[in-house]
Amino acid sequence: MEASEHEPRIRRGDDVDYEDVSAADGMSKGVLIGEEHGAPNLAIRRFVLEAGGTVPKHTNEIEHEQYVLEGEYVVGIDDEEYTVSAGDSLHIPAGVVHWYRNESDEAGAFICAVPTGDDEIKLAE
């Protein structure tokens, strides 16, 4: 039986595979639920930024809403840097330069909700 787009989707944490983010140093990503799992409009991803990990300045073609799950790290957005920690939320508009840096001794983690579709990453100069 083929699932309709109006049926609920359940994914278990043990079913999520994490992969290294190639443009970053010390970051991994797991897609919690997304288009490939039958969610047509939004994807929710979980990122882990290891202690000392960095993500270079870049842009994405889609907006990001993020919620910090654990740890503390620096997020740069445009010309400002913000230290974020568990419980903080942020919005990064499409096309805005941003980057990450974990200066702590512990990993940080966040979930990121994005619209489905192309999420092309372009490294900034």
N, C-alpha and C. Protein backbone atom coordinates (compact mmCIF):
# COMPACT_ATOMS: atom_id res chain seq x y z
N MET A 1 0.85 -1.18 0.00
CA MET A 1 0.00 0.00 0.00
C MET A 1 0.89 1.24 0.00
N GLU A 2 0.65 2.16 -0.90
CA GLU A 2 1.44 3.38 -0.99
C GLU A 2 0.92 4.42 0.01
N ALA A 3 1.83 5.07 0.72
CA ALA A 3 1.45 6.07 1.73
C ALA A 3 1.03 7.37 1.06
N SER A 4 -0.01 7.99 1.59
CA SER A 4 -0.40 9.30 1.07
C SER A 4 0.40 10.37 1.81
N GLU A 5 0.41 11.58 1.26
CA GLU A 5 1.18 12.64 1.90
C GLU A 5 0.53 13.13 3.19
N HIS A 6 -0.67 12.66 3.51
CA HIS A 6 -1.34 13.09 4.72
C HIS A 6 -1.19 12.10 5.87
N GLU A 7 -0.45 11.02 5.65
CA GLU A 7 -0.22 10.05 6.71
C GLU A 7 0.95 10.48 7.59
N PRO A 8 0.85 10.20 8.90
CA PRO A 8 1.98 10.55 9.78
C PRO A 8 3.21 9.71 9.45
N ARG A 9 4.36 10.26 9.79
CA ARG A 9 5.63 9.57 9.58
C ARG A 9 6.34 9.49 10.93
N ILE A 10 6.85 8.32 11.26
CA ILE A 10 7.61 8.13 12.50
C ILE A 10 8.98 7.58 12.12
N ARG A 11 10.03 8.21 12.61
CA ARG A 11 11.39 7.68 12.45
C ARG A 11 12.00 7.55 13.82
N ARG A 12 12.63 6.45 14.05
CA ARG A 12 13.28 6.19 15.33
C ARG A 12 14.71 6.71 15.30
N GLY A 13 15.19 7.19 16.44
CA GLY A 13 16.54 7.73 16.53
C GLY A 13 17.61 6.75 16.06
N ASP A 14 17.40 5.48 16.32
CA ASP A 14 18.38 4.47 15.90
C ASP A 14 18.46 4.31 14.39
N ASP A 15 17.45 4.82 13.67
CA ASP A 15 17.43 4.70 12.21
C ASP A 15 18.15 5.84 11.50
N VAL A 16 18.60 6.85 12.26
CA VAL A 16 19.24 8.03 11.67
C VAL A 16 20.73 7.76 11.48
N ASP A 17 21.19 7.92 10.25
CA ASP A 17 22.61 7.80 9.95
C ASP A 17 23.23 9.19 9.93
N TYR A 18 24.42 9.30 10.51
CA TYR A 18 25.16 10.56 10.52
C TYR A 18 26.33 10.47 9.57
N GLU A 19 26.59 11.57 8.88
CA GLU A 19 27.74 11.63 7.97
C GLU A 19 28.50 12.92 8.21
N ASP A 20 29.79 12.89 7.95
CA ASP A 20 30.60 14.08 8.10
C ASP A 20 30.19 15.12 7.06
N VAL A 21 30.19 16.38 7.47
CA VAL A 21 29.92 17.49 6.55
C VAL A 21 31.26 17.84 5.91
N SER A 22 31.36 17.62 4.60
CA SER A 22 32.65 17.71 3.92
C SER A 22 33.27 19.11 3.96
N ALA A 23 32.46 20.16 3.98
CA ALA A 23 33.01 21.52 3.97
C ALA A 23 33.46 21.96 5.36
N ALA A 24 33.20 21.14 6.38
CA ALA A 24 33.50 21.53 7.76
C ALA A 24 34.60 20.67 8.34
N ASP A 25 35.10 21.09 9.49
CA ASP A 25 36.07 20.32 10.25
C ASP A 25 35.45 19.98 11.59
N GLY A 26 35.03 18.73 11.78
CA GLY A 26 34.46 18.32 13.06
C GLY A 26 32.96 18.49 13.16
N MET A 27 32.25 18.41 12.03
CA MET A 27 30.79 18.50 12.07
C MET A 27 30.19 17.30 11.35
N SER A 28 29.12 16.74 11.96
CA SER A 28 28.38 15.65 11.30
C SER A 28 26.90 16.02 11.28
N LYS A 29 26.19 15.38 10.32
CA LYS A 29 24.77 15.69 10.10
C LYS A 29 23.98 14.41 9.95
N GLY A 30 22.80 14.40 10.56
CA GLY A 30 21.83 13.32 10.37
C GLY A 30 20.50 13.92 9.99
N VAL A 31 19.85 13.37 8.96
CA VAL A 31 18.52 13.85 8.58
C VAL A 31 17.51 13.08 9.42
N LEU A 32 16.85 13.78 10.33
CA LEU A 32 15.88 13.14 11.21
C LEU A 32 14.63 12.75 10.44
N ILE A 33 14.12 13.69 9.65
CA ILE A 33 13.01 13.40 8.76
C ILE A 33 13.05 14.42 7.63
N GLY A 34 12.75 13.95 6.44
CA GLY A 34 12.82 14.83 5.28
C GLY A 34 12.04 14.26 4.12
N GLU A 35 12.26 14.86 2.97
CA GLU A 35 11.53 14.48 1.76
C GLU A 35 11.68 13.00 1.44
N GLU A 36 12.89 12.45 1.66
CA GLU A 36 13.13 11.05 1.37
C GLU A 36 12.38 10.10 2.30
N HIS A 37 11.80 10.66 3.38
CA HIS A 37 11.03 9.86 4.34
C HIS A 37 9.53 10.15 4.22
N GLY A 38 9.15 10.91 3.20
CA GLY A 38 7.74 11.19 2.97
C GLY A 38 7.25 12.52 3.51
N ALA A 39 8.15 13.38 4.00
CA ALA A 39 7.77 14.70 4.49
C ALA A 39 7.95 15.69 3.33
N PRO A 40 6.88 16.16 2.71
CA PRO A 40 7.01 16.91 1.45
C PRO A 40 7.47 18.36 1.57
N ASN A 41 7.34 18.99 2.74
CA ASN A 41 7.58 20.43 2.82
C ASN A 41 8.77 20.86 3.66
N LEU A 42 9.07 20.12 4.73
CA LEU A 42 10.13 20.51 5.64
C LEU A 42 11.04 19.33 5.92
N ALA A 43 12.29 19.65 6.24
CA ALA A 43 13.25 18.64 6.69
C ALA A 43 13.77 19.08 8.05
N ILE A 44 13.97 18.12 8.94
CA ILE A 44 14.58 18.40 10.23
C ILE A 44 15.87 17.60 10.29
N ARG A 45 16.96 18.31 10.56
CA ARG A 45 18.28 17.69 10.60
C ARG A 45 18.92 17.96 11.96
N ARG A 46 19.78 17.04 12.39
CA ARG A 46 20.52 17.22 13.64
C ARG A 46 22.00 17.30 13.30
N PHE A 47 22.65 18.34 13.78
CA PHE A 47 24.08 18.54 13.56
C PHE A 47 24.83 18.42 14.88
N VAL A 48 26.03 17.86 14.82
CA VAL A 48 26.92 17.80 15.97
C VAL A 48 28.21 18.52 15.57
N LEU A 49 28.61 19.51 16.38
CA LEU A 49 29.86 20.25 16.17
C LEU A 49 30.80 19.87 17.30
N GLU A 50 31.78 19.06 16.97
CA GLU A 50 32.72 18.55 17.97
C GLU A 50 33.52 19.68 18.61
N ALA A 51 34.07 19.42 19.80
CA ALA A 51 34.95 20.38 20.46
C ALA A 51 36.07 20.76 19.49
N GLY A 52 36.30 22.04 19.30
CA GLY A 52 37.31 22.52 18.37
C GLY A 52 36.86 22.54 16.92
N GLY A 53 35.66 22.09 16.64
CA GLY A 53 35.15 22.02 15.27
C GLY A 53 34.86 23.40 14.69
N THR A 54 34.98 23.50 13.36
CA THR A 54 34.70 24.77 12.68
C THR A 54 33.97 24.49 11.37
N VAL A 55 33.16 25.47 10.97
CA VAL A 55 32.50 25.46 9.68
C VAL A 55 32.85 26.79 9.03
N PRO A 56 33.41 26.79 7.83
CA PRO A 56 33.83 28.05 7.21
C PRO A 56 32.65 28.92 6.81
N LYS A 57 32.95 30.19 6.54
CA LYS A 57 31.92 31.12 6.07
C LYS A 57 31.30 30.57 4.79
N HIS A 58 29.96 30.56 4.76
CA HIS A 58 29.24 30.04 3.61
C HIS A 58 27.83 30.61 3.56
N THR A 59 27.17 30.36 2.46
CA THR A 59 25.75 30.71 2.32
C THR A 59 25.00 29.45 1.90
N ASN A 60 23.70 29.47 2.14
CA ASN A 60 22.80 28.42 1.68
C ASN A 60 21.68 29.07 0.88
N GLU A 61 21.11 28.32 -0.05
CA GLU A 61 20.03 28.86 -0.86
C GLU A 61 18.70 28.88 -0.15
N ILE A 62 18.63 28.24 1.02
CA ILE A 62 17.37 28.20 1.77
C ILE A 62 17.58 28.72 3.18
N GLU A 63 16.50 29.20 3.80
CA GLU A 63 16.59 29.68 5.18
C GLU A 63 16.76 28.51 6.14
N HIS A 64 17.26 28.83 7.34
CA HIS A 64 17.46 27.83 8.39
C HIS A 64 16.84 28.35 9.69
N GLU A 65 16.12 27.49 10.39
CA GLU A 65 15.72 27.75 11.76
C GLU A 65 16.42 26.70 12.61
N GLN A 66 17.10 27.14 13.66
CA GLN A 66 17.89 26.21 14.46
C GLN A 66 17.54 26.32 15.93
N TYR A 67 17.67 25.18 16.62
CA TYR A 67 17.46 25.11 18.06
C TYR A 67 18.65 24.36 18.65
N VAL A 68 19.35 25.02 19.60
CA VAL A 68 20.55 24.43 20.20
C VAL A 68 20.12 23.41 21.25
N LEU A 69 20.59 22.17 21.07
CA LEU A 69 20.25 21.08 21.98
C LEU A 69 21.22 20.98 23.15
N GLU A 70 22.51 21.14 22.85
CA GLU A 70 23.52 20.96 23.91
C GLU A 70 24.79 21.70 23.55
N GLY A 71 25.59 21.94 24.57
CA GLY A 71 26.89 22.59 24.37
C GLY A 71 26.77 24.09 24.21
N GLU A 72 27.91 24.69 23.87
CA GLU A 72 28.00 26.13 23.64
C GLU A 72 29.00 26.34 22.50
N TYR A 73 28.65 27.18 21.55
CA TYR A 73 29.53 27.44 20.42
C TYR A 73 29.21 28.82 19.85
N VAL A 74 30.04 29.28 18.95
CA VAL A 74 29.89 30.60 18.33
C VAL A 74 29.28 30.42 16.94
N VAL A 75 28.28 31.25 16.65
CA VAL A 75 27.69 31.31 15.32
C VAL A 75 27.93 32.71 14.79
N GLY A 76 28.53 32.81 13.62
CA GLY A 76 28.69 34.10 12.96
C GLY A 76 27.60 34.25 11.93
N ILE A 77 26.94 35.40 11.93
CA ILE A 77 25.89 35.71 10.95
C ILE A 77 26.15 37.11 10.45
N ASP A 78 26.36 37.24 9.15
CA ASP A 78 26.77 38.52 8.56
C ASP A 78 28.05 38.98 9.24
N ASP A 79 28.03 40.14 9.88
CA ASP A 79 29.24 40.68 10.51
C ASP A 79 29.24 40.53 12.03
N GLU A 80 28.29 39.78 12.58
CA GLU A 80 28.18 39.62 14.02
C GLU A 80 28.47 38.17 14.44
N GLU A 81 29.02 38.01 15.66
CA GLU A 81 29.21 36.68 16.23
C GLU A 81 28.37 36.57 17.49
N TYR A 82 27.74 35.41 17.67
CA TYR A 82 26.87 35.16 18.81
C TYR A 82 27.29 33.86 19.48
N THR A 83 27.42 33.88 20.80
CA THR A 83 27.64 32.64 21.53
C THR A 83 26.27 32.08 21.87
N VAL A 84 26.02 30.84 21.47
CA VAL A 84 24.73 30.21 21.71
C VAL A 84 24.93 28.96 22.57
N SER A 85 23.88 28.60 23.30
CA SER A 85 23.93 27.41 24.15
C SER A 85 22.55 26.78 24.21
N ALA A 86 22.46 25.63 24.86
CA ALA A 86 21.23 24.84 24.90
C ALA A 86 20.03 25.71 25.23
N GLY A 87 18.99 25.56 24.44
CA GLY A 87 17.76 26.32 24.63
C GLY A 87 17.64 27.53 23.74
N ASP A 88 18.73 27.97 23.11
CA ASP A 88 18.70 29.13 22.22
C ASP A 88 18.17 28.72 20.84
N SER A 89 17.52 29.67 20.17
CA SER A 89 17.01 29.47 18.81
C SER A 89 17.54 30.58 17.92
N LEU A 90 17.68 30.28 16.64
CA LEU A 90 18.13 31.30 15.70
C LEU A 90 17.56 31.07 14.31
N HIS A 91 17.51 32.14 13.56
CA HIS A 91 17.04 32.11 12.17
C HIS A 91 18.13 32.68 11.29
N ILE A 92 18.48 31.92 10.25
CA ILE A 92 19.48 32.38 9.28
C ILE A 92 18.78 32.48 7.93
N PRO A 93 18.57 33.70 7.43
CA PRO A 93 17.88 33.87 6.15
C PRO A 93 18.67 33.27 4.99
N ALA A 94 17.98 32.91 3.94
CA ALA A 94 18.62 32.40 2.74
C ALA A 94 19.62 33.41 2.21
N GLY A 95 20.78 32.92 1.77
CA GLY A 95 21.78 33.77 1.15
C GLY A 95 22.65 34.57 2.09
N VAL A 96 22.45 34.46 3.41
CA VAL A 96 23.24 35.23 4.38
C VAL A 96 24.49 34.43 4.77
N VAL A 97 25.65 35.09 4.77
CA VAL A 97 26.90 34.45 5.15
C VAL A 97 26.86 34.09 6.63
N HIS A 98 27.23 32.84 6.94
CA HIS A 98 27.28 32.40 8.34
C HIS A 98 28.36 31.34 8.50
N TRP A 99 28.77 31.10 9.76
CA TRP A 99 29.83 30.15 10.08
C TRP A 99 29.68 29.72 11.53
N TYR A 100 30.42 28.69 11.91
CA TYR A 100 30.34 28.13 13.26
C TYR A 100 31.75 27.84 13.78
N ARG A 101 31.89 27.95 15.12
CA ARG A 101 33.18 27.67 15.75
C ARG A 101 32.91 27.18 17.17
N ASN A 102 33.39 25.99 17.50
CA ASN A 102 33.21 25.47 18.85
C ASN A 102 34.54 25.58 19.58
N GLU A 103 34.64 26.57 20.46
CA GLU A 103 35.87 26.81 21.22
C GLU A 103 35.87 26.08 22.56
N SER A 104 34.82 25.33 22.86
CA SER A 104 34.71 24.66 24.16
C SER A 104 35.35 23.27 24.11
N ASP A 105 35.34 22.61 25.26
CA ASP A 105 35.89 21.26 25.36
C ASP A 105 34.82 20.19 25.17
N GLU A 106 33.59 20.60 24.87
CA GLU A 106 32.50 19.66 24.70
C GLU A 106 31.82 19.88 23.36
N ALA A 107 31.24 18.82 22.81
CA ALA A 107 30.52 18.91 21.55
C ALA A 107 29.25 19.76 21.74
N GLY A 108 28.87 20.44 20.70
CA GLY A 108 27.59 21.14 20.65
C GLY A 108 26.70 20.43 19.65
N ALA A 109 25.40 20.56 19.82
CA ALA A 109 24.47 19.93 18.89
C ALA A 109 23.26 20.84 18.71
N PHE A 110 22.70 20.82 17.50
CA PHE A 110 21.49 21.60 17.23
C PHE A 110 20.64 20.89 16.20
N ILE A 111 19.35 21.19 16.25
CA ILE A 111 18.47 20.74 15.17
C ILE A 111 18.24 21.93 14.25
N CYS A 112 18.03 21.62 12.99
CA CYS A 112 17.89 22.64 11.97
C CYS A 112 16.69 22.25 11.10
N ALA A 113 15.70 23.12 11.03
CA ALA A 113 14.53 22.90 10.18
C ALA A 113 14.70 23.75 8.92
N VAL A 114 14.49 23.12 7.77
CA VAL A 114 14.64 23.79 6.49
C VAL A 114 13.52 23.35 5.55
N PRO A 115 13.15 24.20 4.59
CA PRO A 115 12.22 23.74 3.56
C PRO A 115 12.90 22.67 2.70
N THR A 116 12.14 21.72 2.19
CA THR A 116 12.72 20.72 1.31
C THR A 116 13.16 21.39 0.01
N GLY A 117 14.02 20.72 -0.71
CA GLY A 117 14.52 21.27 -1.97
C GLY A 117 16.01 21.44 -1.92
N ASP A 118 16.55 22.10 -2.91
CA ASP A 118 18.00 22.26 -3.05
C ASP A 118 18.55 23.13 -1.93
N ASP A 119 19.56 22.63 -1.26
CA ASP A 119 20.22 23.36 -0.17
C ASP A 119 21.68 23.58 -0.55
N GLU A 120 21.92 24.13 -1.72
CA GLU A 120 23.29 24.30 -2.20
C GLU A 120 24.07 25.21 -1.26
N ILE A 121 25.25 24.73 -0.87
CA ILE A 121 26.15 25.49 -0.01
C ILE A 121 27.23 26.12 -0.88
N LYS A 122 27.45 27.42 -0.68
CA LYS A 122 28.51 28.13 -1.39
C LYS A 122 29.46 28.71 -0.36
N LEU A 123 30.73 28.32 -0.44
CA LEU A 123 31.73 28.88 0.47
C LEU A 123 31.95 30.34 0.14
N ALA A 124 32.06 31.17 1.20
CA ALA A 124 32.28 32.60 1.02
C ALA A 124 33.76 32.88 0.95
N GLU A 125 34.11 34.00 0.37
CA GLU A 125 35.51 34.39 0.23
C GLU A 125 36.11 34.72 1.56
